[in-house]
C-alpha atoms as a PDB file:
ATOM      1  CA  MET A   1       9.710  -5.518   7.259  1.00  0.00           C
ATOM      2  CA  THR A   2       7.043  -6.698   4.846  1.00  0.00           C
ATOM      3  CA  THR A   3       8.459 -10.168   4.212  1.00  0.00           C
ATOM      4  CA  ASN A   4       7.121 -13.152   6.145  1.00  0.00           C
ATOM      5  CA  ARG A   5       9.553 -14.047   8.943  1.00  0.00           C
ATOM      6  CA  LEU A   6       7.721 -17.052  10.396  1.00  0.00           C
ATOM      7  CA  THR A   7       9.183 -20.538  10.170  1.00  0.00           C
ATOM      8  CA  PRO A   8       6.882 -23.215   8.703  1.00  0.00           C
ATOM      9  CA  GLU A   9       6.186 -24.482  12.231  1.00  0.00           C
ATOM     10  CA  GLN A  10       5.313 -21.001  13.512  1.00  0.00           C
ATOM     11  CA  ASN A  11       3.088 -20.355  10.506  1.00  0.00           C
ATOM     12  CA  ALA A  12       1.245 -23.647  11.067  1.00  0.00           C
ATOM     13  CA  ALA A  13       0.550 -22.654  14.689  1.00  0.00           C
ATOM     14  CA  ARG A  14      -0.599 -19.174  13.592  1.00  0.00           C
ATOM     15  CA  THR A  15      -2.901 -20.687  10.962  1.00  0.00           C
ATOM     16  CA  ALA A  16      -4.448 -23.061  13.506  1.00  0.00           C
ATOM     17  CA  LEU A  17      -5.032 -20.173  15.923  1.00  0.00           C
ATOM     18  CA  ALA A  18      -6.681 -18.035  13.231  1.00  0.00           C
ATOM     19  CA  ARG A  19      -8.859 -20.886  11.989  1.00  0.00           C
ATOM     20  CA  ASP A  20     -10.103 -21.718  15.497  1.00  0.00           C
ATOM     21  CA  ASN A  21     -10.691 -18.110  16.637  1.00  0.00           C
ATOM     22  CA  VAL A  22     -13.885 -16.493  15.415  1.00  0.00           C
ATOM     23  CA  HIS A  23     -12.362 -13.011  15.771  1.00  0.00           C
ATOM     24  CA  LEU A  24      -9.610 -13.879  13.289  1.00  0.00           C
ATOM     25  CA  SER A  25     -11.765 -15.875  10.917  1.00  0.00           C
ATOM     26  CA  PHE A  26     -12.057 -13.023   8.402  1.00  0.00           C
ATOM     27  CA  GLY A  27      -9.441 -11.360   6.227  1.00  0.00           C
ATOM     28  CA  GLN A  28      -5.780 -11.202   7.119  1.00  0.00           C
ATOM     29  CA  GLY A  29      -6.000 -13.588  10.053  1.00  0.00           C
ATOM     30  CA  GLN A  30      -6.564 -16.436   7.612  1.00  0.00           C
ATOM     31  CA  HIS A  31      -4.188 -15.439   4.826  1.00  0.00           C
ATOM     32  CA  GLY A  32      -1.092 -14.011   6.358  1.00  0.00           C
ATOM     33  CA  GLY A  33       2.320 -14.472   7.798  1.00  0.00           C
ATOM     34  CA  TRP A  34       4.223 -12.065   9.989  1.00  0.00           C
ATOM     35  CA  GLY A  35       6.889  -9.528   9.092  1.00  0.00           C
ATOM     36  CA  PHE A  36       8.602  -7.167  11.516  1.00  0.00           C
ATOM     37  CA  GLY A  37       5.594  -5.736  13.358  1.00  0.00           C
ATOM     38  CA  MET A  38       2.824  -6.404  10.828  1.00  0.00           C
ATOM     39  CA  GLY A  39       0.858  -9.077   9.060  1.00  0.00           C
ATOM     40  CA  VAL A  40       1.917 -10.053   5.538  1.00  0.00           C
ATOM     41  CA  ARG A  41      -0.480 -11.687   3.056  1.00  0.00           C
ATOM     42  CA  LEU A  42       0.928 -15.017   1.844  1.00  0.00           C
ATOM     43  CA  ASP A  43      -2.195 -16.460   0.192  1.00  0.00           C
ATOM     44  CA  ARG A  44      -4.465 -14.801  -2.354  1.00  0.00           C
ATOM     45  CA  GLY A  45      -7.490 -15.552  -0.191  1.00  0.00           C
ATOM     46  CA  ASP A  46     -10.654 -13.576  -0.656  1.00  0.00           C
ATOM     47  CA  TYR A  47      -9.754 -10.150  -2.013  1.00  0.00           C
ATOM     48  CA  ALA A  48      -6.262  -8.740  -1.561  1.00  0.00           C
ATOM     49  CA  PRO A  49      -3.155  -9.682  -3.541  1.00  0.00           C
ATOM     50  CA  LEU A  50      -0.045 -11.354  -2.199  1.00  0.00           C
ATOM     51  CA  GLY A  51       2.246  -8.928  -0.425  1.00  0.00           C
ATOM     52  CA  GLN A  52      -0.465  -6.783   1.149  1.00  0.00           C
ATOM     53  CA  PHE A  53       0.748  -5.830   4.630  1.00  0.00           C
ATOM     54  CA  GLY A  54      -0.657  -4.196   7.736  1.00  0.00           C
ATOM     55  CA  TRP A  55      -2.596  -5.101  10.827  1.00  0.00           C
ATOM     56  CA  ASP A  56      -6.075  -5.401  12.361  1.00  0.00           C
ATOM     57  CA  GLY A  57      -6.026  -3.986  15.879  1.00  0.00           C
ATOM     58  CA  GLY A  58      -8.026  -5.386  18.764  1.00  0.00           C
ATOM     59  CA  THR A  59      -9.763  -2.042  19.280  1.00  0.00           C
ATOM     60  CA  GLY A  60     -11.488  -2.083  15.890  1.00  0.00           C
ATOM     61  CA  THR A  61      -8.777  -0.555  13.735  1.00  0.00           C
ATOM     62  CA  SER A  62      -7.445  -1.866  10.439  1.00  0.00           C
ATOM     63  CA  ALA A  63      -4.603  -0.485   8.325  1.00  0.00           C
ATOM     64  CA  TYR A  64      -3.053  -2.118   5.253  1.00  0.00           C
ATOM     65  CA  ALA A  65      -0.910  -1.154   2.293  1.00  0.00           C
ATOM     66  CA  ASP A  66      -1.057  -2.848  -1.084  1.00  0.00           C
ATOM     67  CA  ARG A  67       1.794  -1.963  -3.434  1.00  0.00           C
ATOM     68  CA  GLN A  68       0.297  -3.851  -6.369  1.00  0.00           C
ATOM     69  CA  ASN A  69      -2.774  -1.587  -6.431  1.00  0.00           C
ATOM     70  CA  ASP A  70      -1.065   1.568  -5.058  1.00  0.00           C
ATOM     71  CA  LEU A  71      -3.505   1.437  -2.159  1.00  0.00           C
ATOM     72  CA  THR A  72      -3.297   2.349   1.488  1.00  0.00           C
ATOM     73  CA  GLY A  73      -6.389   2.031   3.643  1.00  0.00           C
ATOM     74  CA  VAL A  74      -7.176   2.793   7.253  1.00  0.00           C
ATOM     75  CA  LEU A  75     -10.374   1.960   9.119  1.00  0.00           C
ATOM     76  CA  LEU A  76     -10.891   3.435  12.594  1.00  0.00           C
ATOM     77  CA  THR A  77     -13.883   2.318  14.640  1.00  0.00           C
ATOM     78  CA  GLN A  78     -14.782   2.471  18.294  1.00  0.00           C
ATOM     79  CA  VAL A  79     -15.803  -1.177  18.474  1.00  0.00           C
ATOM     80  CA  GLY A  80     -13.305  -3.630  19.918  1.00  0.00           C
ATOM     81  CA  LEU A  81     -12.952  -7.196  18.673  1.00  0.00           C
ATOM     82  CA  CYS A  82     -15.046  -8.638  21.473  1.00  0.00           C
ATOM     83  CA  CYS A  83     -17.433 -10.608  19.248  1.00  0.00           C
ATOM     84  CA  PRO A  84     -17.738 -11.657  15.573  1.00  0.00           C
ATOM     85  CA  ASP A  85     -19.518  -8.464  14.409  1.00  0.00           C
ATOM     86  CA  PRO A  86     -16.502  -6.087  14.494  1.00  0.00           C
ATOM     87  CA  ALA A  87     -14.356  -8.644  12.646  1.00  0.00           C
ATOM     88  CA  GLN A  88     -17.096  -8.909  10.019  1.00  0.00           C
ATOM     89  CA  LEU A  89     -17.151  -5.094   9.773  1.00  0.00           C
ATOM     90  CA  ILE A  90     -13.408  -5.031   9.019  1.00  0.00           C
ATOM     91  CA  HIS A  91     -13.859  -7.794   6.449  1.00  0.00           C
ATOM     92  CA  ASP A  92     -16.750  -5.919   4.806  1.00  0.00           C
ATOM     93  CA  PHE A  93     -14.705  -2.694   4.675  1.00  0.00           C
ATOM     94  CA  TRP A  94     -11.814  -4.349   2.824  1.00  0.00           C
ATOM     95  CA  THR A  95     -14.155  -6.301   0.561  1.00  0.00           C
ATOM     96  CA  SER A  96     -15.839  -3.010  -0.423  1.00  0.00           C
ATOM     97  CA  VAL A  97     -12.478  -1.320  -1.039  1.00  0.00           C
ATOM     98  CA  TYR A  98     -11.321  -4.069  -3.378  1.00  0.00           C
ATOM     99  CA  GLN A  99     -14.700  -4.267  -5.117  1.00  0.00           C
ATOM    100  CA  ALA A 100     -14.419  -0.547  -5.863  1.00  0.00           C
ATOM    101  CA  ILE A 101     -11.025  -1.144  -7.497  1.00  0.00           C
ATOM    102  CA  ASP A 102     -12.477  -3.910  -9.678  1.00  0.00           C
ATOM    103  CA  ASP A 103     -15.443  -1.786 -10.834  1.00  0.00           C
END
C-alpha cells in the first residue's frame, strides 16, 4: 500500500499538475507518488524522508506516517484548500514537526 504504483507517464502528469497548482505547491504534492489510497514520498524534498506516506485532504486535514523516524502526525483544521494559505499552513505544520525532530 505504501509503494508507488504510478507508471512513469502517470507520475509525470501528476508532477505537472502539482507544479502548476498553487494548492499542491507545498509538501507532498511536489514530492510524491501514489500507493493504494495514499501519497508516497519519492523525493527527499524539503523535510521528510523517502517512504513517508499519507495524504493532505481538501478540507484542511493532513495525516502522514514516517517509519524512518517512528513518527505519525495528524493535523485537523476547519479551513479547506480554497486558497494558498491553508496549503502553507499544512506545510508549516510538517516543517515544524521535522524541525523538532532535528533539534
